[in-house]
Amino acid sequence: LNFLIDNTAPGKVAPVTLYPRRIAEMREASFVEHDQALFRS
């Protein structure tokens, strides 16, 4: 998604920031937010 944003609408669409590095971080970077980030992008 960030590749698409950077190369088709840089500065116009907010980049995706969901990069959890451990399981505990998925409480915030959740599967629900994962889906919503896709739809928003």
Full PDB file with SEQRES, HELIX, SHEET, SSBOND, CRYST1, ORIGX, SCALE, CONECT and MASTER records, all heavy atoms in Angstrom:
SEQRES   1 A   41  LEU ASN PHE LEU ILE ASP ASN THR ALA PRO GLY LYS VAL          
SEQRES   2 A   41  ALA PRO VAL THR LEU TYR PRO ARG ARG ILE ALA GLU MET          
SEQRES   3 A   41  ARG GLU ALA SER PHE VAL GLU HIS ASP GLN ALA LEU PHE          
SEQRES   4 A   41  ARG SER                                                      
HELIX    1 AA1 ASN A    2  THR A    8  1                                   7    
HELIX    2 AA2 ILE A   23  ARG A   27  5                                   5    
HELIX    3 AA3 PHE A   31  ARG A   40  1                                  10    
CRYST1    1.000    1.000    1.000  90.00  90.00  90.00 P 1           1          
ORIGX1      1.000000  0.000000  0.000000        0.00000                         
ORIGX2      0.000000  1.000000  0.000000        0.00000                         
ORIGX3      0.000000  0.000000  1.000000        0.00000                         
SCALE1      1.000000  0.000000  0.000000        0.00000                         
SCALE2      0.000000  1.000000  0.000000        0.00000                         
SCALE3      0.000000  0.000000  1.000000        0.00000                         
ATOM      1  N   LEU A   1       0.832  -1.204   0.000  1.00  0.00           N  
ATOM      2  CA  LEU A   1       0.000   0.000   0.000  1.00  0.00           C  
ATOM      3  C   LEU A   1       0.869   1.257   0.000  1.00  0.00           C  
ATOM      4  O   LEU A   1       0.571   2.229  -0.717  1.00  0.00           O  
ATOM      5  CB  LEU A   1      -0.924  -0.010   1.210  1.00  0.00           C  
ATOM      6  CG  LEU A   1      -1.991  -1.118   1.214  1.00  0.00           C  
ATOM      7  CD1 LEU A   1      -2.760  -1.112   2.528  1.00  0.00           C  
ATOM      8  CD2 LEU A   1      -2.959  -0.953   0.035  1.00  0.00           C  
ATOM      9  N   ASN A   2       1.951   1.258   0.759  1.00  0.00           N  
ATOM     10  CA  ASN A   2       2.815   2.436   0.786  1.00  0.00           C  
ATOM     11  C   ASN A   2       3.523   2.643  -0.546  1.00  0.00           C  
ATOM     12  O   ASN A   2       3.771   3.795  -0.945  1.00  0.00           O  
ATOM     13  CB  ASN A   2       3.832   2.312   1.921  1.00  0.00           C  
ATOM     14  CG  ASN A   2       3.220   2.631   3.274  1.00  0.00           C  
ATOM     15  OD1 ASN A   2       2.226   3.347   3.362  1.00  0.00           O  
ATOM     16  ND2 ASN A   2       3.799   2.090   4.335  1.00  0.00           N  
ATOM     17  N   PHE A   3       3.855   1.574  -1.231  1.00  0.00           N  
ATOM     18  CA  PHE A   3       4.456   1.716  -2.562  1.00  0.00           C  
ATOM     19  C   PHE A   3       3.478   2.405  -3.511  1.00  0.00           C  
ATOM     20  O   PHE A   3       3.867   3.311  -4.267  1.00  0.00           O  
ATOM     21  CB  PHE A   3       4.847   0.342  -3.107  1.00  0.00           C  
ATOM     22  CG  PHE A   3       5.476   0.402  -4.472  1.00  0.00           C  
ATOM     23  CD1 PHE A   3       6.830   0.687  -4.611  1.00  0.00           C  
ATOM     24  CD2 PHE A   3       4.730   0.165  -5.618  1.00  0.00           C  
ATOM     25  CE1 PHE A   3       7.412   0.749  -5.872  1.00  0.00           C  
ATOM     26  CE2 PHE A   3       5.303   0.222  -6.873  1.00  0.00           C  
ATOM     27  CZ  PHE A   3       6.655   0.522  -7.006  1.00  0.00           C  
ATOM     28  N   LEU A   4       2.212   1.992  -3.458  1.00  0.00           N  
ATOM     29  CA  LEU A   4       1.195   2.642  -4.292  1.00  0.00           C  
ATOM     30  C   LEU A   4       1.027   4.104  -3.914  1.00  0.00           C  
ATOM     31  O   LEU A   4       0.943   4.982  -4.788  1.00  0.00           O  
ATOM     32  CB  LEU A   4      -0.137   1.912  -4.152  1.00  0.00           C  
ATOM     33  CG  LEU A   4      -0.277   0.573  -4.879  1.00  0.00           C  
ATOM     34  CD1 LEU A   4      -1.602  -0.097  -4.524  1.00  0.00           C  
ATOM     35  CD2 LEU A   4      -0.186   0.778  -6.395  1.00  0.00           C  
ATOM     36  N   ILE A   5       0.964   4.381  -2.625  1.00  0.00           N  
ATOM     37  CA  ILE A   5       0.780   5.760  -2.162  1.00  0.00           C  
ATOM     38  C   ILE A   5       1.956   6.631  -2.585  1.00  0.00           C  
ATOM     39  O   ILE A   5       1.780   7.744  -3.101  1.00  0.00           O  
ATOM     40  CB  ILE A   5       0.590   5.780  -0.634  1.00  0.00           C  
ATOM     41  CG1 ILE A   5      -0.748   5.142  -0.263  1.00  0.00           C  
ATOM     42  CG2 ILE A   5       0.691   7.203  -0.096  1.00  0.00           C  
ATOM     43  CD1 ILE A   5      -0.917   4.861   1.217  1.00  0.00           C  
ATOM     44  N   ASP A   6       3.170   6.144  -2.382  1.00  0.00           N  
ATOM     45  CA  ASP A   6       4.361   6.933  -2.687  1.00  0.00           C  
ATOM     46  C   ASP A   6       4.502   7.220  -4.176  1.00  0.00           C  
ATOM     47  O   ASP A   6       5.115   8.223  -4.560  1.00  0.00           O  
ATOM     48  CB  ASP A   6       5.625   6.201  -2.207  1.00  0.00           C  
ATOM     49  CG  ASP A   6       5.749   6.198  -0.685  1.00  0.00           C  
ATOM     50  OD1 ASP A   6       5.071   7.020  -0.030  1.00  0.00           O  
ATOM     51  OD2 ASP A   6       6.515   5.371  -0.159  1.00  0.00           O  
ATOM     52  N   ASN A   7       3.953   6.356  -5.019  1.00  0.00           N  
ATOM     53  CA  ASN A   7       4.182   6.484  -6.454  1.00  0.00           C  
ATOM     54  C   ASN A   7       2.962   6.929  -7.255  1.00  0.00           C  
ATOM     55  O   ASN A   7       3.080   7.143  -8.463  1.00  0.00           O  
ATOM     56  CB  ASN A   7       4.698   5.147  -7.010  1.00  0.00           C  
ATOM     57  CG  ASN A   7       6.103   4.846  -6.557  1.00  0.00           C  
ATOM     58  OD1 ASN A   7       7.067   5.404  -7.073  1.00  0.00           O  
ATOM     59  ND2 ASN A   7       6.232   3.975  -5.555  1.00  0.00           N  
ATOM     60  N   THR A   8       1.824   7.057  -6.600  1.00  0.00           N  
ATOM     61  CA  THR A   8       0.653   7.550  -7.317  1.00  0.00           C  
ATOM     62  C   THR A   8       0.016   8.765  -6.651  1.00  0.00           C  
ATOM     63  O   THR A   8      -0.631   9.561  -7.326  1.00  0.00           O  
ATOM     64  CB  THR A   8      -0.425   6.459  -7.458  1.00  0.00           C  
ATOM     65  OG1 THR A   8      -0.817   6.002  -6.155  1.00  0.00           O  
ATOM     66  CG2 THR A   8       0.097   5.278  -8.261  1.00  0.00           C  
ATOM     67  N   ALA A   9       0.183   8.913  -5.353  1.00  0.00           N  
ATOM     68  CA  ALA A   9      -0.426  10.054  -4.657  1.00  0.00           C  
ATOM     69  C   ALA A   9       0.437  10.513  -3.496  1.00  0.00           C  
ATOM     70  O   ALA A   9      -0.029  10.611  -2.360  1.00  0.00           O  
ATOM     71  CB  ALA A   9      -1.819   9.677  -4.173  1.00  0.00           C  
ATOM     72  N   PRO A  10       1.731  10.794  -3.751  1.00  0.00           N  
ATOM     73  CA  PRO A  10       2.605  11.207  -2.642  1.00  0.00           C  
ATOM     74  C   PRO A  10       2.136  12.523  -2.030  1.00  0.00           C  
ATOM     75  O   PRO A  10       1.840  13.482  -2.739  1.00  0.00           O  
ATOM     76  CB  PRO A  10       3.972  11.364  -3.324  1.00  0.00           C  
ATOM     77  CG  PRO A  10       3.659  11.598  -4.764  1.00  0.00           C  
ATOM     78  CD  PRO A  10       2.418  10.804  -5.052  1.00  0.00           C  
ATOM     79  N   GLY A  11       2.057  12.536  -0.703  1.00  0.00           N  
ATOM     80  CA  GLY A  11       1.632  13.735  -0.004  1.00  0.00           C  
ATOM     81  C   GLY A  11       0.132  13.951   0.019  1.00  0.00           C  
ATOM     82  O   GLY A  11      -0.358  14.847   0.701  1.00  0.00           O  
ATOM     83  N   LYS A  12      -0.610  13.118  -0.704  1.00  0.00           N  
ATOM     84  CA  LYS A  12      -2.066  13.275  -0.772  1.00  0.00           C  
ATOM     85  C   LYS A  12      -2.805  12.214   0.031  1.00  0.00           C  
ATOM     86  O   LYS A  12      -3.953  12.411   0.402  1.00  0.00           O  
ATOM     87  CB  LYS A  12      -2.530  13.234  -2.223  1.00  0.00           C  
ATOM     88  CG  LYS A  12      -1.935  14.333  -3.089  1.00  0.00           C  
ATOM     89  CD  LYS A  12      -2.386  14.193  -4.542  1.00  0.00           C  
ATOM     90  CE  LYS A  12      -1.734  15.266  -5.412  1.00  0.00           C  
ATOM     91  NZ  LYS A  12      -2.126  15.125  -6.836  1.00  0.00           N  
ATOM     92  N   VAL A  13      -2.158  11.073   0.242  1.00  0.00           N  
ATOM     93  CA  VAL A  13      -2.760   9.966   0.987  1.00  0.00           C  
ATOM     94  C   VAL A  13      -1.814   9.602   2.127  1.00  0.00           C  
ATOM     95  O   VAL A  13      -0.599   9.473   1.911  1.00  0.00           O  
ATOM     96  CB  VAL A  13      -3.005   8.746   0.080  1.00  0.00           C  
ATOM     97  CG1 VAL A  13      -3.596   7.591   0.890  1.00  0.00           C  
ATOM     98  CG2 VAL A  13      -3.927   9.115  -1.090  1.00  0.00           C  
ATOM     99  N   ALA A  14      -2.366   9.444   3.320  1.00  0.00           N  
ATOM    100  CA  ALA A  14      -1.536   9.112   4.477  1.00  0.00           C  
ATOM    101  C   ALA A  14      -0.930   7.724   4.334  1.00  0.00           C  
ATOM    102  O   ALA A  14      -1.632   6.772   3.970  1.00  0.00           O  
ATOM    103  CB  ALA A  14      -2.368   9.180   5.759  1.00  0.00           C  
ATOM    104  N   PRO A  15       0.365   7.567   4.592  1.00  0.00           N  
ATOM    105  CA  PRO A  15       0.982   6.235   4.502  1.00  0.00           C  
ATOM    106  C   PRO A  15       0.486   5.312   5.610  1.00  0.00           C  
ATOM    107  O   PRO A  15       0.000   5.759   6.650  1.00  0.00           O  
ATOM    108  CB  PRO A  15       2.480   6.523   4.651  1.00  0.00           C  
ATOM    109  CG  PRO A  15       2.529   7.810   5.422  1.00  0.00           C  
ATOM    110  CD  PRO A  15       1.337   8.604   4.977  1.00  0.00           C  
ATOM    111  N   VAL A  16       0.620   4.019   5.367  1.00  0.00           N  
ATOM    112  CA  VAL A  16       0.220   3.001   6.339  1.00  0.00           C  
ATOM    113  C   VAL A  16       1.362   2.798   7.326  1.00  0.00           C  
ATOM    114  O   VAL A  16       2.530   2.740   6.937  1.00  0.00           O  
ATOM    115  CB  VAL A  16      -0.126   1.683   5.628  1.00  0.00           C  
ATOM    116  CG1 VAL A  16      -0.552   0.615   6.638  1.00  0.00           C  
ATOM    117  CG2 VAL A  16      -1.234   1.904   4.603  1.00  0.00           C  
ATOM    118  N   THR A  17       1.032   2.687   8.594  1.00  0.00           N  
ATOM    119  CA  THR A  17       2.064   2.592   9.634  1.00  0.00           C  
ATOM    120  C   THR A  17       2.011   1.285  10.423  1.00  0.00           C  
ATOM    121  O   THR A  17       2.610   1.175  11.484  1.00  0.00           O  
ATOM    122  CB  THR A  17       1.924   3.769  10.624  1.00  0.00           C  
ATOM    123  OG1 THR A  17       0.620   3.724  11.224  1.00  0.00           O  
ATOM    124  CG2 THR A  17       2.115   5.099   9.919  1.00  0.00           C  
ATOM    125  N   LEU A  18       1.301   0.282   9.898  1.00  0.00           N  
ATOM    126  CA  LEU A  18       1.129  -0.975  10.633  1.00  0.00           C  
ATOM    127  C   LEU A  18       2.296  -1.921  10.358  1.00  0.00           C  
ATOM    128  O   LEU A  18       2.293  -2.661   9.370  1.00  0.00           O  
ATOM    129  CB  LEU A  18      -0.197  -1.630  10.241  1.00  0.00           C  
ATOM    130  CG  LEU A  18      -1.460  -0.818  10.550  1.00  0.00           C  
ATOM    131  CD1 LEU A  18      -2.697  -1.571  10.095  1.00  0.00           C  
ATOM    132  CD2 LEU A  18      -1.542  -0.507  12.037  1.00  0.00           C  
ATOM    133  N   TYR A  19       3.279  -1.903  11.244  1.00  0.00           N  
ATOM    134  CA  TYR A  19       4.442  -2.772  11.133  1.00  0.00           C  
ATOM    135  C   TYR A  19       4.767  -3.383  12.510  1.00  0.00           C  
ATOM    136  O   TYR A  19       5.848  -3.134  13.062  1.00  0.00           O  
ATOM    137  CB  TYR A  19       5.659  -2.011  10.609  1.00  0.00           C  
ATOM    138  CG  TYR A  19       5.564  -1.573   9.171  1.00  0.00           C  
ATOM    139  CD1 TYR A  19       4.988  -0.348   8.833  1.00  0.00           C  
ATOM    140  CD2 TYR A  19       6.063  -2.366   8.141  1.00  0.00           C  
ATOM    141  CE1 TYR A  19       4.911   0.067   7.515  1.00  0.00           C  
ATOM    142  CE2 TYR A  19       6.000  -1.960   6.822  1.00  0.00           C  
ATOM    143  CZ  TYR A  19       5.420  -0.739   6.505  1.00  0.00           C  
ATOM    144  OH  TYR A  19       5.335  -0.326   5.196  1.00  0.00           O  
ATOM    145  N   PRO A  20       3.874  -4.154  13.095  1.00  0.00           N  
ATOM    146  CA  PRO A  20       4.176  -4.743  14.399  1.00  0.00           C  
ATOM    147  C   PRO A  20       5.371  -5.688  14.312  1.00  0.00           C  
ATOM    148  O   PRO A  20       5.498  -6.458  13.356  1.00  0.00           O  
ATOM    149  CB  PRO A  20       2.888  -5.488  14.757  1.00  0.00           C  
ATOM    150  CG  PRO A  20       2.246  -5.785  13.436  1.00  0.00           C  
ATOM    151  CD  PRO A  20       2.573  -4.614  12.559  1.00  0.00           C  
ATOM    152  N   ARG A  21       6.242  -5.625  15.305  1.00  0.00           N  
ATOM    153  CA  ARG A  21       7.431  -6.487  15.327  1.00  0.00           C  
ATOM    154  C   ARG A  21       7.310  -7.614  16.339  1.00  0.00           C  
ATOM    155  O   ARG A  21       8.131  -8.518  16.354  1.00  0.00           O  
ATOM    156  CB  ARG A  21       8.682  -5.663  15.625  1.00  0.00           C  
ATOM    157  CG  ARG A  21       9.015  -4.647  14.539  1.00  0.00           C  
ATOM    158  CD  ARG A  21      10.335  -3.952  14.790  1.00  0.00           C  
ATOM    159  NE  ARG A  21      10.319  -3.218  16.054  1.00  0.00           N  
ATOM    160  CZ  ARG A  21      11.053  -3.546  17.111  1.00  0.00           C  
ATOM    161  NH1 ARG A  21      11.835  -4.609  17.071  1.00  0.00           N  
ATOM    162  NH2 ARG A  21      10.993  -2.831  18.210  1.00  0.00           N  
ATOM    163  N   ARG A  22       6.298  -7.549  17.195  1.00  0.00           N  
ATOM    164  CA  ARG A  22       6.053  -8.608  18.181  1.00  0.00           C  
ATOM    165  C   ARG A  22       4.553  -8.776  18.344  1.00  0.00           C  
ATOM    166  O   ARG A  22       3.759  -7.897  17.994  1.00  0.00           O  
ATOM    167  CB  ARG A  22       6.731  -8.271  19.514  1.00  0.00           C  
ATOM    168  CG  ARG A  22       6.327  -6.940  20.084  1.00  0.00           C  
ATOM    169  CD  ARG A  22       7.095  -6.638  21.369  1.00  0.00           C  
ATOM    170  NE  ARG A  22       8.508  -6.437  21.098  1.00  0.00           N  
ATOM    171  CZ  ARG A  22       9.030  -5.267  20.779  1.00  0.00           C  
ATOM    172  NH1 ARG A  22       8.250  -4.196  20.680  1.00  0.00           N  
ATOM    173  NH2 ARG A  22      10.309  -5.146  20.552  1.00  0.00           N  
ATOM    174  N   ILE A  23       4.152  -9.932  18.864  1.00  0.00           N  
ATOM    175  CA  ILE A  23       2.733 -10.258  18.977  1.00  0.00           C  
ATOM    176  C   ILE A  23       1.989  -9.228  19.818  1.00  0.00           C  
ATOM    177  O   ILE A  23       0.874  -8.813  19.483  1.00  0.00           O  
ATOM    178  CB  ILE A  23       2.556 -11.670  19.567  1.00  0.00           C  
ATOM    179  CG1 ILE A  23       3.108 -12.728  18.593  1.00  0.00           C  
ATOM    180  CG2 ILE A  23       1.086 -11.952  19.864  1.00  0.00           C  
ATOM    181  CD1 ILE A  23       2.417 -12.766  17.249  1.00  0.00           C  
ATOM    182  N   ALA A  24       2.601  -8.769  20.911  1.00  0.00           N  
ATOM    183  CA  ALA A  24       1.925  -7.821  21.791  1.00  0.00           C  
ATOM    184  C   ALA A  24       1.554  -6.536  21.074  1.00  0.00           C  
ATOM    185  O   ALA A  24       0.541  -5.899  21.401  1.00  0.00           O  
ATOM    186  CB  ALA A  24       2.805  -7.516  23.002  1.00  0.00           C  
ATOM    187  N   GLU A  25       2.330  -6.145  20.077  1.00  0.00           N  
ATOM    188  CA  GLU A  25       2.045  -4.917  19.349  1.00  0.00           C  
ATOM    189  C   GLU A  25       0.794  -5.027  18.482  1.00  0.00           C  
ATOM    190  O   GLU A  25       0.266  -4.011  18.026  1.00  0.00           O  
ATOM    191  CB  GLU A  25       3.250  -4.516  18.497  1.00  0.00           C  
ATOM    192  CG  GLU A  25       4.453  -4.092  19.326  1.00  0.00           C  
ATOM    193  CD  GLU A  25       5.660  -3.737  18.481  1.00  0.00           C  
ATOM    194  OE1 GLU A  25       5.547  -3.749  17.229  1.00  0.00           O  
ATOM    195  OE2 GLU A  25       6.729  -3.449  19.055  1.00  0.00           O  
ATOM    196  N   MET A  26       0.316  -6.241  18.262  1.00  0.00           N  
ATOM    197  CA  MET A  26      -0.901  -6.402  17.474  1.00  0.00           C  
ATOM    198  C   MET A  26      -2.152  -6.011  18.255  1.00  0.00           C  
ATOM    199  O   MET A  26      -3.240  -5.982  17.693  1.00  0.00           O  
ATOM    200  CB  MET A  26      -1.034  -7.841  16.959  1.00  0.00           C  
ATOM    201  CG  MET A  26      -0.001  -8.226  15.931  1.00  0.00           C  
ATOM    202  SD  MET A  26      -0.473  -9.652  14.939  1.00  0.00           S  
ATOM    203  CE  MET A  26      -0.823 -10.862  16.207  1.00  0.00           C  
ATOM    204  N   ARG A  27      -2.016  -5.719  19.532  1.00  0.00           N  
ATOM    205  CA  ARG A  27      -3.169  -5.200  20.272  1.00  0.00           C  
ATOM    206  C   ARG A  27      -3.567  -3.833  19.743  1.00  0.00           C  
ATOM    207  O   ARG A  27      -4.743  -3.475  19.748  1.00  0.00           O  
ATOM    208  CB  ARG A  27      -2.842  -5.113  21.765  1.00  0.00           C  
ATOM    209  CG  ARG A  27      -2.652  -6.464  22.425  1.00  0.00           C  
ATOM    210  CD  ARG A  27      -2.244  -6.302  23.879  1.00  0.00           C  
ATOM    211  NE  ARG A  27      -1.958  -7.597  24.497  1.00  0.00           N  
ATOM    212  CZ  ARG A  27      -1.450  -7.748  25.715  1.00  0.00           C  
ATOM    213  NH1 ARG A  27      -1.174  -6.662  26.439  1.00  0.00           N  
ATOM    214  NH2 ARG A  27      -1.210  -8.948  26.202  1.00  0.00           N  
ATOM    215  N   GLU A  28      -2.565  -3.065  19.292  1.00  0.00           N  
ATOM    216  CA  GLU A  28      -2.844  -1.753  18.702  1.00  0.00           C  
ATOM    217  C   GLU A  28      -2.879  -1.849  17.176  1.00  0.00           C  
ATOM    218  O   GLU A  28      -3.803  -1.341  16.548  1.00  0.00           O  
ATOM    219  CB  GLU A  28      -1.783  -0.737  19.153  1.00  0.00           C  
ATOM    220  CG  GLU A  28      -1.726  -0.545  20.669  1.00  0.00           C  
ATOM    221  CD  GLU A  28      -3.034  -0.028  21.231  1.00  0.00           C  
ATOM    222  OE1 GLU A  28      -3.736   0.730  20.531  1.00  0.00           O  
ATOM    223  OE2 GLU A  28      -3.361  -0.375  22.388  1.00  0.00           O  
ATOM    224  N   ALA A  29      -1.846  -2.473  16.598  1.00  0.00           N  
ATOM    225  CA  ALA A  29      -1.834  -2.710  15.148  1.00  0.00           C  
ATOM    226  C   ALA A  29      -2.671  -3.959  14.871  1.00  0.00           C  
ATOM    227  O   ALA A  29      -2.168  -5.011  14.522  1.00  0.00           O  
ATOM    228  CB  ALA A  29      -0.393  -2.895  14.662  1.00  0.00           C  
ATOM    229  N   SER A  30      -3.970  -3.815  15.029  1.00  0.00           N  
ATOM    230  CA  SER A  30      -4.871  -4.972  15.048  1.00  0.00           C  
ATOM    231  C   SER A  30      -5.253  -5.425  13.648  1.00  0.00           C  
ATOM    232  O   SER A  30      -5.053  -4.720  12.657  1.00  0.00           O  
ATOM    233  CB  SER A  30      -6.137  -4.630  15.839  1.00  0.00           C  
ATOM    234  OG  SER A  30      -6.879  -3.642  15.148  1.00  0.00           O  
ATOM    235  N   PHE A  31      -5.854  -6.611  13.584  1.00  0.00           N  
ATOM    236  CA  PHE A  31      -6.364  -7.108  12.311  1.00  0.00           C  
ATOM    237  C   PHE A  31      -7.481  -6.213  11.786  1.00  0.00           C  
ATOM    238  O   PHE A  31      -7.624  -6.027  10.573  1.00  0.00           O  
ATOM    239  CB  PHE A  31      -6.869  -8.545  12.463  1.00  0.00           C  
ATOM    240  CG  PHE A  31      -5.769  -9.559  12.527  1.00  0.00           C  
ATOM    241  CD1 PHE A  31      -5.335 -10.063  13.743  1.00  0.00           C  
ATOM    242  CD2 PHE A  31      -5.156 -10.016  11.373  1.00  0.00           C  
ATOM    243  CE1 PHE A  31      -4.317 -11.001  13.805  1.00  0.00           C  
ATOM    244  CE2 PHE A  31      -4.140 -10.953  11.418  1.00  0.00           C  
ATOM    245  CZ  PHE A  31      -3.711 -11.449  12.643  1.00  0.00           C  
ATOM    246  N   VAL A  32      -8.284  -5.656  12.675  1.00  0.00           N  
ATOM    247  CA  VAL A  32      -9.349  -4.746  12.255  1.00  0.00           C  
ATOM    248  C   VAL A  32      -8.753  -3.501  11.616  1.00  0.00           C  
ATOM    249  O   VAL A  32      -9.172  -3.069  10.533  1.00  0.00           O  
ATOM    250  CB  VAL A  32     -10.244  -4.370  13.453  1.00  0.00           C  
ATOM    251  CG1 VAL A  32     -11.283  -3.327  13.038  1.00  0.00           C  
ATOM    252  CG2 VAL A  32     -10.937  -5.609  14.018  1.00  0.00           C  
ATOM    253  N   GLU A  33      -7.744  -2.917  12.260  1.00  0.00           N  
ATOM    254  CA  GLU A  33      -7.101  -1.733  11.699  1.00  0.00           C  
ATOM    255  C   GLU A  33      -6.353  -2.084  10.416  1.00  0.00           C  
ATOM    256  O   GLU A  33      -6.263  -1.255   9.495  1.00  0.00           O  
ATOM    257  CB  GLU A  33      -6.139  -1.134  12.723  1.00  0.00           C  
ATOM    258  CG  GLU A  33      -5.396   0.107  12.251  1.00  0.00           C  
ATOM    259  CD  GLU A  33      -6.324   1.216  11.763  1.00  0.00           C  
ATOM    260  OE1 GLU A  33      -7.483   1.297  12.234  1.00  0.00           O  
ATOM    261  OE2 GLU A  33      -5.876   2.003  10.896  1.00  0.00           O  
ATOM    262  N   HIS A  34      -5.828  -3.286  10.339  1.00  0.00           N  
ATOM    263  CA  HIS A  34      -5.171  -3.777   9.129  1.00  0.00           C  
ATOM    264  C   HIS A  34      -6.140  -3.720   7.952  1.00  0.00           C  
ATOM    265  O   HIS A  34      -5.799  -3.233   6.860  1.00  0.00           O  
ATOM    266  CB  HIS A  34      -4.693  -5.212   9.387  1.00  0.00           C  
ATOM    267  CG  HIS A  34      -4.110  -5.906   8.204  1.00  0.00           C  
ATOM    268  ND1 HIS A  34      -2.885  -5.592   7.669  1.00  0.00           N  
ATOM    269  CD2 HIS A  34      -4.589  -6.935   7.459  1.00  0.00           C  
ATOM    270  CE1 HIS A  34      -2.622  -6.388   6.654  1.00  0.00           C  
ATOM    271  NE2 HIS A  34      -3.640  -7.210   6.491  1.00  0.00           N  
ATOM    272  N   ASP A  35      -7.363  -4.189   8.150  1.00  0.00           N  
ATOM    273  CA  ASP A  35      -8.380  -4.138   7.100  1.00  0.00           C  
ATOM    274  C   ASP A  35      -8.779  -2.700   6.787  1.00  0.00           C  
ATOM    275  O   ASP A  35      -8.905  -2.319   5.613  1.00  0.00           O  
ATOM    276  CB  ASP A  35      -9.618  -4.930   7.521  1.00  0.00           C  
ATOM    277  CG  ASP A  35      -9.376  -6.425   7.589  1.00  0.00           C  
ATOM    278  OD1 ASP A  35      -8.458  -6.906   6.897  1.00  0.00           O  
ATOM    279  OD2 ASP A  35     -10.098  -7.110   8.344  1.00  0.00           O  
ATOM    280  N   GLN A  36      -8.985  -1.904   7.823  1.00  0.00           N  
ATOM    281  CA  GLN A  36      -9.429  -0.530   7.609  1.00  0.00           C  
ATOM    282  C   GLN A  36      -8.373   0.291   6.868  1.00  0.00           C  
ATOM    283  O   GLN A  36      -8.711   1.163   6.057  1.00  0.00           O  
ATOM    284  CB  GLN A  36      -9.776   0.123   8.952  1.00  0.00           C  
ATOM    285  CG  GLN A  36     -10.968  -0.495   9.656  1.00  0.00           C  
ATOM    286  CD  GLN A  36     -12.220  -0.482   8.804  1.00  0.00           C  
ATOM    287  OE1 GLN A  36     -12.567   0.534   8.205  1.00  0.00           O  
ATOM    288  NE2 GLN A  36     -12.911  -1.618   8.755  1.00  0.00           N  
ATOM    289  N   ALA A  37      -7.096   0.052   7.147  1.00  0.00           N  
ATOM    290  CA  ALA A  37      -6.027   0.757   6.431  1.00  0.00           C  
ATOM    291  C   ALA A  37      -6.072   0.429   4.942  1.00  0.00           C  
ATOM    292  O   ALA A  37      -5.857   1.309   4.088  1.00  0.00           O  
ATOM    293  CB  ALA A  37      -4.669   0.381   7.024  1.00  0.00           C  
ATOM    294  N   LEU A  38      -6.342  -0.825   4.624  1.00  0.00           N  
ATOM    295  CA  LEU A  38      -6.482  -1.223   3.221  1.00  0.00           C  
ATOM    296  C   LEU A  38      -7.632  -0.473   2.566  1.00  0.00           C  
ATOM    297  O   LEU A  38      -7.480   0.097   1.477  1.00  0.00           O  
ATOM    298  CB  LEU A  38      -6.710  -2.733   3.149  1.00  0.00           C  
ATOM    299  CG  LEU A  38      -7.164  -3.292   1.791  1.00  0.00           C  
ATOM    300  CD1 LEU A  38      -6.087  -3.079   0.737  1.00  0.00           C  
ATOM    301  CD2 LEU A  38      -7.521  -4.766   1.921  1.00  0.00           C  
ATOM    302  N   PHE A  39      -8.785  -0.468   3.211  1.00  0.00           N  
ATOM    303  CA  PHE A  39      -9.959   0.167   2.617  1.00  0.00           C  
ATOM    304  C   PHE A  39      -9.749   1.668   2.453  1.00  0.00           C  
ATOM    305  O   PHE A  39     -10.108   2.250   1.423  1.00  0.00           O  
ATOM    306  CB  PHE A  39     -11.195  -0.105   3.467  1.00  0.00           C  
ATOM    307  CG  PHE A  39     -11.489  -1.567   3.686  1.00  0.00           C  
ATOM    308  CD1 PHE A  39     -12.111  -2.011   4.849  1.00  0.00           C  
ATOM    309  CD2 PHE A  39     -11.130  -2.514   2.739  1.00  0.00           C  
ATOM    310  CE1 PHE A  39     -12.382  -3.341   5.048  1.00  0.00           C  
ATOM    311  CE2 PHE A  39     -11.384  -3.864   2.932  1.00  0.00           C  
ATOM    312  CZ  PHE A  39     -12.016  -4.278   4.096  1.00  0.00           C  
ATOM    313  N   ARG A  40      -9.171   2.312   3.470  1.00  0.00           N  
ATOM    314  CA  ARG A  40      -8.924   3.754   3.388  1.00  0.00           C  
ATOM    315  C   ARG A  40      -7.963   4.079   2.250  1.00  0.00           C  
ATOM    316  O   ARG A  40      -8.162   5.055   1.510  1.00  0.00           O  
ATOM    317  CB  ARG A  40      -8.349   4.278   4.711  1.00  0.00           C  
ATOM    318  CG  ARG A  40      -9.348   4.373   5.850  1.00  0.00           C  
ATOM    319  CD  ARG A  40      -8.792   5.240   6.981  1.00  0.00           C  
ATOM    320  NE  ARG A  40      -7.545   4.709   7.519  1.00  0.00           N  
ATOM    321  CZ  ARG A  40      -7.456   3.901   8.557  1.00  0.00           C  
ATOM    322  NH1 ARG A  40      -8.551   3.480   9.172  1.00  0.00           N  
ATOM    323  NH2 ARG A  40      -6.290   3.491   8.988  1.00  0.00           N  
ATOM    324  N   SER A  41      -6.927   3.268   2.098  1.00  0.00           N  
ATOM    325  CA  SER A  41      -5.926   3.535   1.066  1.00  0.00           C  
ATOM    326  C   SER A  41      -6.519   3.383  -0.329  1.00  0.00           C  
ATOM    327  O   SER A  41      -6.310   4.241  -1.201  1.00  0.00           O  
ATOM    328  CB  SER A  41      -4.726   2.594   1.237  1.00  0.00           C  
ATOM    329  OG  SER A  41      -4.092   2.794   2.486  1.00  0.00           O  
TER     330      SER A  41                                                      
MASTER        0    0    0    3    0    0    0    6  329    1    0    4          
END                                                                             
